[in-house]
């Protein structure tokens, strides 16, 4: 059984699981990995300008031989002149239109967020992207944007796992209230980055009962929130493991409560600050990259 889709506030639909090309595939030729993901059953591919692998994604799209409507492609804005940047991304991907274009983080915007969002609205109106949205936006960022937005963001892609759930719960509920779909990345943090924590016990117990893996249980928990999963792996068997989540029964209310209660025993605030610092560093790095490119070209 496939994962299915989630309807966005603009009437379009987004596949409920995506293959992400950040992390290990950043600055790498992503072609073979994206091809493998598509062959495994992923139809939603998530990339970004700053990952510097859009060309590989484009090559994999071409090699797949699939019709354009059979794939859902997301990329992200990471600084520069917005119209120029979306056109560069389209060229690298070999596409005429994106399914979803995101502001990767508020720190990548030079000037006011409201002004940048107006440019994104024009991108949608000009059919360069079917849907527009944001990523790594806080509750305050969304509240500010919605004061002037003519078109609401379709999604907000954020770090989302049991250890930061208490911290992002209000943001997710606000997004739900305004019809903004949440996309989750780094959901497997309890397994990949912080093994041995309080969440391990309920994950293992639920996995044993369902005949599933702890990773699958986490994704079922994410699914219970009506959230899109963005995940990745270089291993085909892992990709199949993630896709097979669709065949598992839903978690019970007791399962969900056990995971969240265990997650609340951690101290995510420091991690959140580290993520904020990291995103700020990425924004600075991007600005320096553009400045250096300008100097090389024109000076």
C-alpha atoms as a PDB file:
ATOM      1  CA  UNK A   1       0.000   0.000   0.000  1.00  0.00           C
ATOM      2  CA  UNK A   2       1.443   3.419  -0.937  1.00  0.00           C
ATOM      3  CA  UNK A   3       1.843   6.271   1.534  1.00  0.00           C
ATOM      4  CA  UNK A   4      -0.702   8.353  -0.313  1.00  0.00           C
ATOM      5  CA  UNK A   5      -0.894  12.133  -0.504  1.00  0.00           C
ATOM      6  CA  UNK A   6      -1.916  15.081   1.657  1.00  0.00           C
ATOM      7  CA  UNK A   7      -3.995  17.928   0.257  1.00  0.00           C
ATOM      8  CA  UNK A   8      -2.429  21.384   0.457  1.00  0.00           C
ATOM      9  CA  UNK A   9      -4.235  24.665   1.089  1.00  0.00           C
ATOM     10  CA  UNK A  10      -3.903  25.629  -2.594  1.00  0.00           C
ATOM     11  CA  UNK A  11      -5.703  22.512  -3.805  1.00  0.00           C
ATOM     12  CA  UNK A  12      -2.576  20.628  -4.870  1.00  0.00           C
ATOM     13  CA  UNK A  13      -1.540  17.341  -3.266  1.00  0.00           C
ATOM     14  CA  UNK A  14       1.851  16.399  -1.831  1.00  0.00           C
ATOM     15  CA  UNK A  15       3.150  12.818  -1.473  1.00  0.00           C
ATOM     16  CA  UNK A  16       3.310  11.959   2.227  1.00  0.00           C
ATOM     17  CA  UNK A  17       6.920  10.729   2.094  1.00  0.00           C
ATOM     18  CA  UNK A  18       9.900  12.301   0.338  1.00  0.00           C
ATOM     19  CA  UNK A  19      13.457  11.254  -0.427  1.00  0.00           C
ATOM     20  CA  UNK A  20      15.748  14.008   0.832  1.00  0.00           C
ATOM     21  CA  UNK A  21      19.079  14.845  -0.814  1.00  0.00           C
ATOM     22  CA  UNK A  22      20.611  16.892   1.995  1.00  0.00           C
ATOM     23  CA  UNK A  23      22.907  15.573   4.753  1.00  0.00           C
ATOM     24  CA  UNK A  24      25.181  12.894   3.239  1.00  0.00           C
ATOM     25  CA  UNK A  25      24.351  13.863  -0.359  1.00  0.00           C
ATOM     26  CA  UNK A  26      25.217  17.530   0.083  1.00  0.00           C
ATOM     27  CA  UNK A  27      27.858  18.573  -2.488  1.00  0.00           C
ATOM     28  CA  UNK A  28      27.747  15.038  -3.931  1.00  0.00           C
ATOM     29  CA  UNK A  29      26.559  13.630  -7.242  1.00  0.00           C
ATOM     30  CA  UNK A  30      23.098  12.553  -6.183  1.00  0.00           C
ATOM     31  CA  UNK A  31      22.112  10.915  -9.481  1.00  0.00           C
ATOM     32  CA  UNK A  32      22.473   7.231  -8.541  1.00  0.00           C
ATOM     33  CA  UNK A  33      20.868   7.681  -5.131  1.00  0.00           C
ATOM     34  CA  UNK A  34      17.860   9.530  -6.519  1.00  0.00           C
ATOM     35  CA  UNK A  35      17.504   6.941  -9.268  1.00  0.00           C
ATOM     36  CA  UNK A  36      17.509   4.229  -6.598  1.00  0.00           C
ATOM     37  CA  UNK A  37      14.894   6.085  -4.567  1.00  0.00           C
ATOM     38  CA  UNK A  38      12.618   6.469  -7.588  1.00  0.00           C
ATOM     39  CA  UNK A  39      13.061   2.796  -8.524  1.00  0.00           C
ATOM     40  CA  UNK A  40      12.212   1.846  -4.920  1.00  0.00           C
ATOM     41  CA  UNK A  41       8.919   3.739  -5.080  1.00  0.00           C
ATOM     42  CA  UNK A  42       9.626   7.306  -3.978  1.00  0.00           C
ATOM     43  CA  UNK A  43       7.853   9.874  -6.158  1.00  0.00           C
ATOM     44  CA  UNK A  44       8.683  12.946  -4.042  1.00  0.00           C
ATOM     45  CA  UNK A  45      12.278  14.212  -4.244  1.00  0.00           C
ATOM     46  CA  UNK A  46      13.437  17.026  -1.945  1.00  0.00           C
ATOM     47  CA  UNK A  47      16.556  19.083  -2.691  1.00  0.00           C
ATOM     48  CA  UNK A  48      17.872  22.643  -2.214  1.00  0.00           C
ATOM     49  CA  UNK A  49      20.163  25.116  -3.939  1.00  0.00           C
ATOM     50  CA  UNK A  50      22.640  24.976  -1.072  1.00  0.00           C
ATOM     51  CA  UNK A  51      22.928  21.197  -1.332  1.00  0.00           C
ATOM     52  CA  UNK A  52      24.635  21.749  -4.692  1.00  0.00           C
ATOM     53  CA  UNK A  53      23.230  18.556  -6.130  1.00  0.00           C
ATOM     54  CA  UNK A  54      20.252  19.782  -8.151  1.00  0.00           C
ATOM     55  CA  UNK A  55      21.982  18.738 -11.383  1.00  0.00           C
ATOM     56  CA  UNK A  56      22.155  15.147 -10.109  1.00  0.00           C
ATOM     57  CA  UNK A  57      18.479  15.223  -9.212  1.00  0.00           C
ATOM     58  CA  UNK A  58      17.729  16.531 -12.698  1.00  0.00           C
ATOM     59  CA  UNK A  59      19.776  13.753 -14.288  1.00  0.00           C
ATOM     60  CA  UNK A  60      17.919  11.132 -12.253  1.00  0.00           C
ATOM     61  CA  UNK A  61      14.560  12.610 -13.260  1.00  0.00           C
ATOM     62  CA  UNK A  62      15.556  12.369 -16.902  1.00  0.00           C
ATOM     63  CA  UNK A  63      16.939   8.843 -16.549  1.00  0.00           C
ATOM     64  CA  UNK A  64      13.761   7.643 -14.817  1.00  0.00           C
ATOM     65  CA  UNK A  65      11.798   8.000 -18.041  1.00  0.00           C
ATOM     66  CA  UNK A  66       8.701   8.846 -15.990  1.00  0.00           C
ATOM     67  CA  UNK A  67       6.152  11.430 -17.026  1.00  0.00           C
ATOM     68  CA  UNK A  68       6.567  14.766 -15.266  1.00  0.00           C
ATOM     69  CA  UNK A  69       3.277  14.377 -13.406  1.00  0.00           C
ATOM     70  CA  UNK A  70       4.526  11.113 -11.874  1.00  0.00           C
ATOM     71  CA  UNK A  71       7.185  12.922  -9.836  1.00  0.00           C
ATOM     72  CA  UNK A  72       6.915  15.637  -7.200  1.00  0.00           C
ATOM     73  CA  UNK A  73       9.972  17.889  -6.986  1.00  0.00           C
ATOM     74  CA  UNK A  74      10.779  20.272  -4.139  1.00  0.00           C
ATOM     75  CA  UNK A  75      13.743  22.626  -3.971  1.00  0.00           C
ATOM     76  CA  UNK A  76      14.623  25.584  -1.780  1.00  0.00           C
ATOM     77  CA  UNK A  77      15.773  29.187  -1.988  1.00  0.00           C
ATOM     78  CA  UNK A  78      19.075  29.822  -0.195  1.00  0.00           C
ATOM     79  CA  UNK A  79      19.884  33.462  -0.920  1.00  0.00           C
ATOM     80  CA  UNK A  80      20.372  35.795  -3.886  1.00  0.00           C
ATOM     81  CA  UNK A  81      17.813  37.414  -6.171  1.00  0.00           C
ATOM     82  CA  UNK A  82      14.737  35.233  -5.739  1.00  0.00           C
ATOM     83  CA  UNK A  83      13.561  35.209  -9.365  1.00  0.00           C
ATOM     84  CA  UNK A  84      17.086  34.488 -10.614  1.00  0.00           C
ATOM     85  CA  UNK A  85      17.554  31.687  -8.102  1.00  0.00           C
ATOM     86  CA  UNK A  86      14.353  29.823  -8.936  1.00  0.00           C
ATOM     87  CA  UNK A  87      15.226  30.019 -12.628  1.00  0.00           C
ATOM     88  CA  UNK A  88      18.714  28.647 -11.900  1.00  0.00           C
ATOM     89  CA  UNK A  89      17.217  25.766  -9.932  1.00  0.00           C
ATOM     90  CA  UNK A  90      14.758  24.969 -12.721  1.00  0.00           C
ATOM     91  CA  UNK A  91      17.598  24.927 -15.257  1.00  0.00           C
ATOM     92  CA  UNK A  92      19.713  22.601 -13.116  1.00  0.00           C
ATOM     93  CA  UNK A  93      16.770  20.283 -12.545  1.00  0.00           C
ATOM     94  CA  UNK A  94      15.799  20.362 -16.220  1.00  0.00           C
ATOM     95  CA  UNK A  95      12.256  21.426 -15.366  1.00  0.00           C
ATOM     96  CA  UNK A  96       9.839  24.144 -16.438  1.00  0.00           C
ATOM     97  CA  UNK A  97       7.909  24.072 -13.174  1.00  0.00           C
ATOM     98  CA  UNK A  98       8.546  22.998  -9.596  1.00  0.00           C
ATOM     99  CA  UNK A  99       5.920  21.269  -7.541  1.00  0.00           C
ATOM    100  CA  UNK A 100       7.074  23.079  -4.392  1.00  0.00           C
ATOM    101  CA  UNK A 101       9.506  25.950  -3.779  1.00  0.00           C
ATOM    102  CA  UNK A 102      10.521  26.817  -0.217  1.00  0.00           C
ATOM    103  CA  UNK A 103      12.374  29.573   1.603  1.00  0.00           C
ATOM    104  CA  UNK A 104      14.967  27.322   3.249  1.00  0.00           C
ATOM    105  CA  UNK A 105      15.197  29.433   6.418  1.00  0.00           C
ATOM    106  CA  UNK A 106      14.413  33.032   7.416  1.00  0.00           C
ATOM    107  CA  UNK A 107      18.147  33.756   7.715  1.00  0.00           C
ATOM    108  CA  UNK A 108      18.602  33.341   3.952  1.00  0.00           C
ATOM    109  CA  UNK A 109      16.334  36.297   3.234  1.00  0.00           C
ATOM    110  CA  UNK A 110      17.979  39.666   2.798  1.00  0.00           C
ATOM    111  CA  UNK A 111      15.542  42.332   3.937  1.00  0.00           C
ATOM    112  CA  UNK A 112      11.988  41.756   5.140  1.00  0.00           C
ATOM    113  CA  UNK A 113      10.391  38.332   5.043  1.00  0.00           C
ATOM    114  CA  UNK A 114       7.169  39.929   3.856  1.00  0.00           C
ATOM    115  CA  UNK A 115       8.881  41.351   0.780  1.00  0.00           C
ATOM    116  CA  UNK A 116      10.552  38.042  -0.025  1.00  0.00           C
ATOM    117  CA  UNK A 117       7.205  36.294   0.263  1.00  0.00           C
ATOM    118  CA  UNK A 118       5.680  38.694  -2.277  1.00  0.00           C
ATOM    119  CA  UNK A 119       8.348  37.512  -4.718  1.00  0.00           C
ATOM    120  CA  UNK A 120       7.383  33.918  -3.946  1.00  0.00           C
ATOM    121  CA  UNK A 121       3.743  34.732  -4.613  1.00  0.00           C
ATOM    122  CA  UNK A 122       4.744  36.028  -8.059  1.00  0.00           C
ATOM    123  CA  UNK A 123       6.630  32.776  -8.691  1.00  0.00           C
ATOM    124  CA  UNK A 124       3.416  30.850  -8.037  1.00  0.00           C
ATOM    125  CA  UNK A 125       1.330  33.267 -10.101  1.00  0.00           C
ATOM    126  CA  UNK A 126       3.798  32.872 -12.992  1.00  0.00           C
ATOM    127  CA  UNK A 127       3.541  29.069 -12.712  1.00  0.00           C
ATOM    128  CA  UNK A 128       7.226  28.532 -11.969  1.00  0.00           C
ATOM    129  CA  UNK A 129       6.065  26.557  -8.930  1.00  0.00           C
ATOM    130  CA  UNK A 130       2.705  24.942  -8.296  1.00  0.00           C
ATOM    131  CA  UNK A 131       3.008  25.527  -4.552  1.00  0.00           C
ATOM    132  CA  UNK A 132       5.151  27.766  -2.355  1.00  0.00           C
ATOM    133  CA  UNK A 133       6.137  27.368   1.256  1.00  0.00           C
ATOM    134  CA  UNK A 134       8.761  27.815   3.926  1.00  0.00           C
ATOM    135  CA  UNK A 135      11.230  25.800   5.966  1.00  0.00           C
ATOM    136  CA  UNK A 136      12.660  26.202   9.460  1.00  0.00           C
ATOM    137  CA  UNK A 137      10.146  28.949  10.242  1.00  0.00           C
ATOM    138  CA  UNK A 138       9.260  29.477  13.895  1.00  0.00           C
ATOM    139  CA  UNK A 139       5.786  30.258  15.192  1.00  0.00           C
ATOM    140  CA  UNK A 140       6.706  33.943  15.278  1.00  0.00           C
ATOM    141  CA  UNK A 141       8.004  33.821  11.689  1.00  0.00           C
ATOM    142  CA  UNK A 142       4.745  32.326  10.449  1.00  0.00           C
ATOM    143  CA  UNK A 143       2.648  34.794  12.404  1.00  0.00           C
ATOM    144  CA  UNK A 144       4.595  37.681  10.875  1.00  0.00           C
ATOM    145  CA  UNK A 145       4.272  36.276   7.359  1.00  0.00           C
ATOM    146  CA  UNK A 146       0.526  35.665   7.590  1.00  0.00           C
ATOM    147  CA  UNK A 147      -0.112  39.301   8.481  1.00  0.00           C
ATOM    148  CA  UNK A 148       0.561  40.368   4.902  1.00  0.00           C
ATOM    149  CA  UNK A 149       0.566  37.179   2.817  1.00  0.00           C
ATOM    150  CA  UNK A 150      -1.980  37.030  -0.003  1.00  0.00           C
ATOM    151  CA  UNK A 151      -1.116  33.368  -0.505  1.00  0.00           C
ATOM    152  CA  UNK A 152      -0.530  31.275   2.603  1.00  0.00           C
ATOM    153  CA  UNK A 153       2.542  29.025   2.678  1.00  0.00           C
ATOM    154  CA  UNK A 154       1.481  25.539   1.649  1.00  0.00           C
ATOM    155  CA  UNK A 155       4.006  23.885   3.980  1.00  0.00           C
ATOM    156  CA  UNK A 156       6.578  24.523   6.691  1.00  0.00           C
ATOM    157  CA  UNK A 157       9.409  21.983   6.696  1.00  0.00           C
ATOM    158  CA  UNK A 158      10.952  21.674  10.153  1.00  0.00           C
ATOM    159  CA  UNK A 159      13.085  19.446  12.365  1.00  0.00           C
ATOM    160  CA  UNK A 160      10.540  17.054  13.880  1.00  0.00           C
ATOM    161  CA  UNK A 161      11.147  14.142  16.242  1.00  0.00           C
ATOM    162  CA  UNK A 162      10.017  12.899  19.667  1.00  0.00           C
ATOM    163  CA  UNK A 163      12.770  14.845  21.432  1.00  0.00           C
ATOM    164  CA  UNK A 164      11.658  18.246  20.142  1.00  0.00           C
ATOM    165  CA  UNK A 165       7.917  17.571  19.969  1.00  0.00           C
ATOM    166  CA  UNK A 166       7.083  19.527  23.127  1.00  0.00           C
ATOM    167  CA  UNK A 167       9.036  22.447  21.714  1.00  0.00           C
ATOM    168  CA  UNK A 168       7.330  22.507  18.296  1.00  0.00           C
ATOM    169  CA  UNK A 169       3.830  21.427  19.300  1.00  0.00           C
ATOM    170  CA  UNK A 170       2.429  24.978  19.331  1.00  0.00           C
ATOM    171  CA  UNK A 171       3.983  25.669  15.930  1.00  0.00           C
ATOM    172  CA  UNK A 172       2.455  22.525  14.424  1.00  0.00           C
ATOM    173  CA  UNK A 173      -0.957  23.308  15.910  1.00  0.00           C
ATOM    174  CA  UNK A 174      -0.793  26.882  14.571  1.00  0.00           C
ATOM    175  CA  UNK A 175       0.097  25.538  11.126  1.00  0.00           C
ATOM    176  CA  UNK A 176      -2.791  23.061  11.266  1.00  0.00           C
ATOM    177  CA  UNK A 177      -5.170  25.871  12.211  1.00  0.00           C
ATOM    178  CA  UNK A 178      -4.124  27.863   9.143  1.00  0.00           C
ATOM    179  CA  UNK A 179      -4.049  24.937   6.740  1.00  0.00           C
ATOM    180  CA  UNK A 180      -0.253  24.838   6.497  1.00  0.00           C
ATOM    181  CA  UNK A 181       1.049  21.278   6.174  1.00  0.00           C
ATOM    182  CA  UNK A 182       4.094  20.441   8.271  1.00  0.00           C
ATOM    183  CA  UNK A 183       6.966  18.509   6.719  1.00  0.00           C
ATOM    184  CA  UNK A 184       9.332  16.647   9.036  1.00  0.00           C
ATOM    185  CA  UNK A 185      13.071  16.165   8.696  1.00  0.00           C
ATOM    186  CA  UNK A 186      15.510  14.539  11.150  1.00  0.00           C
ATOM    187  CA  UNK A 187      12.694  12.411  12.551  1.00  0.00           C
ATOM    188  CA  UNK A 188      15.060   9.484  13.141  1.00  0.00           C
ATOM    189  CA  UNK A 189      17.228  11.542  15.519  1.00  0.00           C
ATOM    190  CA  UNK A 190      16.518   9.177  18.475  1.00  0.00           C
ATOM    191  CA  UNK A 191      18.097   6.361  16.435  1.00  0.00           C
ATOM    192  CA  UNK A 192      20.761   8.064  14.336  1.00  0.00           C
ATOM    193  CA  UNK A 193      22.028  10.870  16.582  1.00  0.00           C
ATOM    194  CA  UNK A 194      20.969  10.234  20.162  1.00  0.00           C
ATOM    195  CA  UNK A 195      20.643   6.460  20.657  1.00  0.00           C
ATOM    196  CA  UNK A 196      20.302   5.248  24.205  1.00  0.00           C
ATOM    197  CA  UNK A 197      17.863   7.979  25.210  1.00  0.00           C
ATOM    198  CA  UNK A 198      14.480   7.738  26.962  1.00  0.00           C
ATOM    199  CA  UNK A 199      12.549   7.182  23.712  1.00  0.00           C
ATOM    200  CA  UNK A 200      14.328   3.890  23.009  1.00  0.00           C
ATOM    201  CA  UNK A 201      12.203   1.894  25.462  1.00  0.00           C
ATOM    202  CA  UNK A 202       8.749   2.720  24.036  1.00  0.00           C
ATOM    203  CA  UNK A 203      10.037   2.499  20.461  1.00  0.00           C
ATOM    204  CA  UNK A 204      11.451  -0.968  21.045  1.00  0.00           C
ATOM    205  CA  UNK A 205       8.334  -2.175  22.874  1.00  0.00           C
ATOM    206  CA  UNK A 206       5.969  -0.936  20.154  1.00  0.00           C
ATOM    207  CA  UNK A 207       8.241  -2.281  17.405  1.00  0.00           C
ATOM    208  CA  UNK A 208       8.258  -5.744  19.014  1.00  0.00           C
ATOM    209  CA  UNK A 209       4.457  -5.764  19.276  1.00  0.00           C
ATOM    210  CA  UNK A 210       3.947  -4.668  15.664  1.00  0.00           C
ATOM    211  CA  UNK A 211       6.749  -6.757  14.188  1.00  0.00           C
ATOM    212  CA  UNK A 212       8.293  -3.517  12.966  1.00  0.00           C
ATOM    213  CA  UNK A 213      11.569  -1.631  13.374  1.00  0.00           C
ATOM    214  CA  UNK A 214      12.062   1.361  15.705  1.00  0.00           C
ATOM    215  CA  UNK A 215      12.517   3.588  12.635  1.00  0.00           C
ATOM    216  CA  UNK A 216       9.154   2.475  11.291  1.00  0.00           C
ATOM    217  CA  UNK A 217       7.536   3.221  14.639  1.00  0.00           C
ATOM    218  CA  UNK A 218       8.912   6.771  14.571  1.00  0.00           C
ATOM    219  CA  UNK A 219       7.491   7.305  11.100  1.00  0.00           C
ATOM    220  CA  UNK A 220       4.111   5.959  12.235  1.00  0.00           C
ATOM    221  CA  UNK A 221       4.248   8.511  15.051  1.00  0.00           C
ATOM    222  CA  UNK A 222       5.004  11.286  12.552  1.00  0.00           C
ATOM    223  CA  UNK A 223       2.136  10.044  10.383  1.00  0.00           C
ATOM    224  CA  UNK A 224      -0.210  10.293  13.368  1.00  0.00           C
ATOM    225  CA  UNK A 225       0.311  14.076  13.280  1.00  0.00           C
ATOM    226  CA  UNK A 226      -0.694  14.381   9.624  1.00  0.00           C
ATOM    227  CA  UNK A 227       2.870  15.360   8.770  1.00  0.00           C
ATOM    228  CA  UNK A 228       4.908  14.673   5.603  1.00  0.00           C
ATOM    229  CA  UNK A 229       8.090  12.633   6.188  1.00  0.00           C
ATOM    230  CA  UNK A 230      11.351  13.688   4.535  1.00  0.00           C
ATOM    231  CA  UNK A 231      13.969  10.969   4.916  1.00  0.00           C
ATOM    232  CA  UNK A 232      16.972   9.495   3.135  1.00  0.00           C
ATOM    233  CA  UNK A 233      19.288   6.516   2.891  1.00  0.00           C
ATOM    234  CA  UNK A 234      21.925   5.209   0.504  1.00  0.00           C
ATOM    235  CA  UNK A 235      20.719   1.647   1.153  1.00  0.00           C
ATOM    236  CA  UNK A 236      17.880   0.216  -0.905  1.00  0.00           C
ATOM    237  CA  UNK A 237      16.732  -2.050   1.938  1.00  0.00           C
ATOM    238  CA  UNK A 238      16.362   0.980   4.198  1.00  0.00           C
ATOM    239  CA  UNK A 239      14.270   2.785   1.607  1.00  0.00           C
ATOM    240  CA  UNK A 240      11.995  -0.242   1.361  1.00  0.00           C
ATOM    241  CA  UNK A 241      11.769  -0.363   5.157  1.00  0.00           C
ATOM    242  CA  UNK A 242      10.545   3.233   5.176  1.00  0.00           C
ATOM    243  CA  UNK A 243       8.043   2.682   2.378  1.00  0.00           C
ATOM    244  CA  UNK A 244       6.682  -0.416   4.146  1.00  0.00           C
ATOM    245  CA  UNK A 245       5.538   1.819   7.008  1.00  0.00           C
ATOM    246  CA  UNK A 246       2.375   2.404   4.986  1.00  0.00           C
ATOM    247  CA  UNK A 247       1.387  -1.244   5.572  1.00  0.00           C
ATOM    248  CA  UNK A 248       1.670  -1.066   9.363  1.00  0.00           C
ATOM    249  CA  UNK A 249      -1.340  -0.426  11.624  1.00  0.00           C
ATOM    250  CA  UNK A 250      -1.738   3.011  13.162  1.00  0.00           C
ATOM    251  CA  UNK A 251      -0.279   3.557  16.621  1.00  0.00           C
ATOM    252  CA  UNK A 252      -2.674   3.559  19.546  1.00  0.00           C
ATOM    253  CA  UNK A 253      -3.219   6.644  21.670  1.00  0.00           C
ATOM    254  CA  UNK A 254      -1.252   4.882  24.407  1.00  0.00           C
ATOM    255  CA  UNK A 255       1.656   4.316  21.994  1.00  0.00           C
ATOM    256  CA  UNK A 256       1.710   7.978  20.988  1.00  0.00           C
ATOM    257  CA  UNK A 257       1.530   9.138  24.591  1.00  0.00           C
ATOM    258  CA  UNK A 258       4.379   6.810  25.627  1.00  0.00           C
ATOM    259  CA  UNK A 259       6.652   8.121  22.868  1.00  0.00           C
ATOM    260  CA  UNK A 260       5.895  11.747  23.673  1.00  0.00           C
ATOM    261  CA  UNK A 261       6.260  11.317  27.418  1.00  0.00           C
ATOM    262  CA  UNK A 262       9.672   9.714  26.885  1.00  0.00           C
ATOM    263  CA  UNK A 263      10.654  12.434  24.435  1.00  0.00           C
ATOM    264  CA  UNK A 264       9.790  15.117  26.975  1.00  0.00           C
ATOM    265  CA  UNK A 265      12.397  13.700  29.352  1.00  0.00           C
ATOM    266  CA  UNK A 266      15.204  14.970  27.115  1.00  0.00           C
ATOM    267  CA  UNK A 267      16.598  18.497  27.004  1.00  0.00           C
ATOM    268  CA  UNK A 268      16.106  19.613  23.374  1.00  0.00           C
ATOM    269  CA  UNK A 269      16.634  23.336  23.905  1.00  0.00           C
ATOM    270  CA  UNK A 270      20.402  23.101  23.464  1.00  0.00           C
ATOM    271  CA  UNK A 271      19.984  21.117  20.252  1.00  0.00           C
ATOM    272  CA  UNK A 272      17.540  23.722  18.994  1.00  0.00           C
ATOM    273  CA  UNK A 273      20.038  26.486  19.645  1.00  0.00           C
ATOM    274  CA  UNK A 274      22.681  24.495  17.788  1.00  0.00           C
ATOM    275  CA  UNK A 275      20.341  24.121  14.816  1.00  0.00           C
ATOM    276  CA  UNK A 276      19.620  27.859  14.840  1.00  0.00           C
ATOM    277  CA  UNK A 277      23.326  28.639  14.913  1.00  0.00           C
ATOM    278  CA  UNK A 278      23.938  26.163  12.117  1.00  0.00           C
ATOM    279  CA  UNK A 279      21.260  27.728   9.925  1.00  0.00           C
ATOM    280  CA  UNK A 280      22.724  31.146  10.608  1.00  0.00           C
ATOM    281  CA  UNK A 281      26.134  29.881   9.573  1.00  0.00           C
ATOM    282  CA  UNK A 282      24.647  28.462   6.379  1.00  0.00           C
ATOM    283  CA  UNK A 283      23.132  31.851   5.577  1.00  0.00           C
ATOM    284  CA  UNK A 284      26.476  33.581   6.124  1.00  0.00           C
ATOM    285  CA  UNK A 285      28.253  30.951   4.026  1.00  0.00           C
ATOM    286  CA  UNK A 286      25.767  31.440   1.211  1.00  0.00           C
ATOM    287  CA  UNK A 287      26.189  35.216   1.292  1.00  0.00           C
ATOM    288  CA  UNK A 288      29.976  34.856   1.164  1.00  0.00           C
ATOM    289  CA  UNK A 289      29.687  32.403  -1.725  1.00  0.00           C
ATOM    290  CA  UNK A 290      27.621  34.857  -3.760  1.00  0.00           C
ATOM    291  CA  UNK A 291      29.996  37.677  -2.922  1.00  0.00           C
ATOM    292  CA  UNK A 292      33.006  35.609  -3.960  1.00  0.00           C
ATOM    293  CA  UNK A 293      31.318  34.576  -7.206  1.00  0.00           C
ATOM    294  CA  UNK A 294      30.622  38.228  -7.982  1.00  0.00           C
ATOM    295  CA  UNK A 295      34.250  39.204  -7.340  1.00  0.00           C
ATOM    296  CA  UNK A 296      35.588  36.394  -9.509  1.00  0.00           C
ATOM    297  CA  UNK A 297      33.244  37.279 -12.337  1.00  0.00           C
ATOM    298  CA  UNK A 298      33.311  41.042 -12.332  1.00  0.00           C
ATOM    299  CA  UNK A 299      36.428  42.285 -10.527  1.00  0.00           C
END
